[in-house]
Amino acid sequence: MKKLELTDFLEKTFFVNGFCVETAVPKLAEMVQGYNEITYTKPMEYHELYDALIWLRRLKEYGKEMKLSDETIKNMLKPFEESKYENDRWLVISDWIIRLIQKP
């Protein structure tokens, strides 16, 4: 199982970000070919994490699903759990994670 760090995945999305979604998603799927799991060990800003999760969801809808381990999910949510002021952001990120791990 080949793993891709979420920050590296986000960098790949920058190359396709200017395209329409119908063109961008297949190009992104080609770029992550060979990877089947996302890891999260390098901290990201909220907006970066949010954008990356949106792109992961688009890939899933396209048919390219990237696995998120329990540890990866915990690492994504941890910064938001530690601050009582981040509850809204925690809910948004949690919602996107749920969308990614739900079975069709």
C-alpha atoms as a PDB file:
ATOM      1  CA  MET A   1       0.000   0.000   0.000  1.00  0.00           C
ATOM      2  CA  LYS A   2       1.644   3.228  -1.136  1.00  0.00           C
ATOM      3  CA  LYS A   3       0.965   6.266   1.044  1.00  0.00           C
ATOM      4  CA  LEU A   4       0.880   9.947   0.118  1.00  0.00           C
ATOM      5  CA  GLU A   5       1.262  12.750   2.652  1.00  0.00           C
ATOM      6  CA  LEU A   6      -1.716  15.120   2.546  1.00  0.00           C
ATOM      7  CA  THR A   7       0.542  18.167   2.099  1.00  0.00           C
ATOM      8  CA  ASP A   8       2.060  16.501  -0.983  1.00  0.00           C
ATOM      9  CA  PHE A   9      -1.412  15.679  -2.274  1.00  0.00           C
ATOM     10  CA  LEU A  10      -2.433  19.321  -1.853  1.00  0.00           C
ATOM     11  CA  GLU A  11       0.624  20.400  -3.859  1.00  0.00           C
ATOM     12  CA  LYS A  12      -0.533  18.151  -6.711  1.00  0.00           C
ATOM     13  CA  THR A  13      -3.935  19.863  -6.690  1.00  0.00           C
ATOM     14  CA  PHE A  14      -2.247  23.196  -7.410  1.00  0.00           C
ATOM     15  CA  PHE A  15      -1.279  21.893 -10.856  1.00  0.00           C
ATOM     16  CA  VAL A  16      -4.916  21.201 -11.802  1.00  0.00           C
ATOM     17  CA  ASN A  17      -6.650  23.958  -9.851  1.00  0.00           C
ATOM     18  CA  GLY A  18      -7.099  26.267 -12.859  1.00  0.00           C
ATOM     19  CA  PHE A  19      -8.907  23.624 -14.919  1.00  0.00           C
ATOM     20  CA  CYS A  20     -12.630  22.942 -14.785  1.00  0.00           C
ATOM     21  CA  VAL A  21     -13.448  20.103 -12.382  1.00  0.00           C
ATOM     22  CA  GLU A  22     -14.311  17.693 -15.223  1.00  0.00           C
ATOM     23  CA  THR A  23     -10.787  18.108 -16.619  1.00  0.00           C
ATOM     24  CA  ALA A  24      -8.929  18.555 -13.329  1.00  0.00           C
ATOM     25  CA  VAL A  25     -10.094  15.422 -11.549  1.00  0.00           C
ATOM     26  CA  PRO A  26      -8.929  12.918 -14.205  1.00  0.00           C
ATOM     27  CA  LYS A  27      -5.568  14.715 -14.386  1.00  0.00           C
ATOM     28  CA  LEU A  28      -5.260  14.577 -10.592  1.00  0.00           C
ATOM     29  CA  ALA A  29      -6.206  10.885 -10.621  1.00  0.00           C
ATOM     30  CA  GLU A  30      -3.300  10.268 -13.005  1.00  0.00           C
ATOM     31  CA  MET A  31      -0.951  12.199 -10.720  1.00  0.00           C
ATOM     32  CA  VAL A  32      -1.844  10.071  -7.688  1.00  0.00           C
ATOM     33  CA  GLN A  33      -1.879   6.791  -9.580  1.00  0.00           C
ATOM     34  CA  GLY A  34      -0.063   4.187  -7.521  1.00  0.00           C
ATOM     35  CA  TYR A  35      -1.067   5.776  -4.206  1.00  0.00           C
ATOM     36  CA  ASN A  36      -4.001   4.413  -2.270  1.00  0.00           C
ATOM     37  CA  GLU A  37      -3.703   5.921   1.193  1.00  0.00           C
ATOM     38  CA  ILE A  38      -3.363   9.425   2.601  1.00  0.00           C
ATOM     39  CA  THR A  39      -1.285  10.169   5.696  1.00  0.00           C
ATOM     40  CA  TYR A  40      -1.337  13.310   7.795  1.00  0.00           C
ATOM     41  CA  THR A  41       1.824  14.019   9.762  1.00  0.00           C
ATOM     42  CA  LYS A  42       2.707  17.550   8.645  1.00  0.00           C
ATOM     43  CA  PRO A  43       0.493  20.322  10.068  1.00  0.00           C
ATOM     44  CA  MET A  44      -1.720  22.243   7.668  1.00  0.00           C
ATOM     45  CA  GLU A  45      -3.749  25.395   7.987  1.00  0.00           C
ATOM     46  CA  TYR A  46      -7.516  24.985   8.153  1.00  0.00           C
ATOM     47  CA  HIS A  47      -8.110  26.246   4.602  1.00  0.00           C
ATOM     48  CA  GLU A  48      -5.428  23.910   3.215  1.00  0.00           C
ATOM     49  CA  LEU A  49      -6.931  20.890   4.962  1.00  0.00           C
ATOM     50  CA  TYR A  50     -10.398  21.908   3.797  1.00  0.00           C
ATOM     51  CA  ASP A  51      -9.255  22.250   0.169  1.00  0.00           C
ATOM     52  CA  ALA A  52      -7.425  18.927   0.249  1.00  0.00           C
ATOM     53  CA  LEU A  53     -10.500  17.135   1.600  1.00  0.00           C
ATOM     54  CA  ILE A  54     -12.658  18.636  -1.136  1.00  0.00           C
ATOM     55  CA  TRP A  55     -10.230  17.348  -3.774  1.00  0.00           C
ATOM     56  CA  LEU A  56     -10.154  13.911  -2.118  1.00  0.00           C
ATOM     57  CA  ARG A  57     -13.945  13.846  -2.288  1.00  0.00           C
ATOM     58  CA  ARG A  58     -13.857  14.750  -5.977  1.00  0.00           C
ATOM     59  CA  LEU A  59     -11.420  11.898  -6.585  1.00  0.00           C
ATOM     60  CA  LYS A  60     -13.689   9.502  -4.709  1.00  0.00           C
ATOM     61  CA  GLU A  61     -16.657  10.544  -6.836  1.00  0.00           C
ATOM     62  CA  TYR A  62     -14.479   9.952  -9.897  1.00  0.00           C
ATOM     63  CA  GLY A  63     -13.748   6.414  -8.685  1.00  0.00           C
ATOM     64  CA  LYS A  64     -10.296   6.884  -7.142  1.00  0.00           C
ATOM     65  CA  GLU A  65     -10.682   6.412  -3.408  1.00  0.00           C
ATOM     66  CA  MET A  66      -7.815   7.146  -1.059  1.00  0.00           C
ATOM     67  CA  LYS A  67      -7.875   5.346   2.294  1.00  0.00           C
ATOM     68  CA  LEU A  68      -7.737   7.345   5.537  1.00  0.00           C
ATOM     69  CA  SER A  69      -6.527   5.351   8.529  1.00  0.00           C
ATOM     70  CA  ASP A  70      -7.955   5.963  11.993  1.00  0.00           C
ATOM     71  CA  GLU A  71      -4.638   7.537  12.981  1.00  0.00           C
ATOM     72  CA  THR A  72      -4.746   9.906   9.997  1.00  0.00           C
ATOM     73  CA  ILE A  73      -8.273  10.998  10.896  1.00  0.00           C
ATOM     74  CA  LYS A  74      -7.294  11.588  14.520  1.00  0.00           C
ATOM     75  CA  ASN A  75      -4.288  13.639  13.408  1.00  0.00           C
ATOM     76  CA  MET A  76      -6.496  15.780  11.159  1.00  0.00           C
ATOM     77  CA  LEU A  77      -8.984  16.522  13.923  1.00  0.00           C
ATOM     78  CA  LYS A  78      -6.576  16.933  16.823  1.00  0.00           C
ATOM     79  CA  PRO A  79      -5.708  20.645  16.315  1.00  0.00           C
ATOM     80  CA  PHE A  80      -9.393  21.532  16.299  1.00  0.00           C
ATOM     81  CA  GLU A  81     -10.234  19.475  19.384  1.00  0.00           C
ATOM     82  CA  GLU A  82      -7.663  21.281  21.495  1.00  0.00           C
ATOM     83  CA  SER A  83      -9.273  24.706  21.185  1.00  0.00           C
ATOM     84  CA  LYS A  84     -12.780  25.556  22.294  1.00  0.00           C
ATOM     85  CA  TYR A  85     -12.772  28.322  19.672  1.00  0.00           C
ATOM     86  CA  GLU A  86     -12.352  25.905  16.783  1.00  0.00           C
ATOM     87  CA  ASN A  87     -15.647  24.006  17.183  1.00  0.00           C
ATOM     88  CA  ASP A  88     -17.141  25.229  13.899  1.00  0.00           C
ATOM     89  CA  ARG A  89     -14.031  24.299  11.967  1.00  0.00           C
ATOM     90  CA  TRP A  90     -13.911  20.911  13.718  1.00  0.00           C
ATOM     91  CA  LEU A  91     -17.470  20.250  12.543  1.00  0.00           C
ATOM     92  CA  VAL A  92     -16.694  21.231   8.949  1.00  0.00           C
ATOM     93  CA  ILE A  93     -13.572  19.067   8.765  1.00  0.00           C
ATOM     94  CA  SER A  94     -15.399  16.184  10.475  1.00  0.00           C
ATOM     95  CA  ASP A  95     -18.212  16.437   7.932  1.00  0.00           C
ATOM     96  CA  TRP A  96     -15.782  16.207   5.007  1.00  0.00           C
ATOM     97  CA  ILE A  97     -13.995  13.244   6.584  1.00  0.00           C
ATOM     98  CA  ILE A  98     -17.311  11.460   7.061  1.00  0.00           C
ATOM     99  CA  ARG A  99     -18.123  12.044   3.389  1.00  0.00           C
ATOM    100  CA  LEU A 100     -14.802  10.468   2.457  1.00  0.00           C
ATOM    101  CA  ILE A 101     -15.103   7.353   4.582  1.00  0.00           C
ATOM    102  CA  GLN A 102     -18.783   6.634   3.961  1.00  0.00           C
ATOM    103  CA  LYS A 103     -19.507   3.666   1.792  1.00  0.00           C
ATOM    104  CA  PRO A 104     -21.634   4.385  -1.291  1.00  0.00           C
END
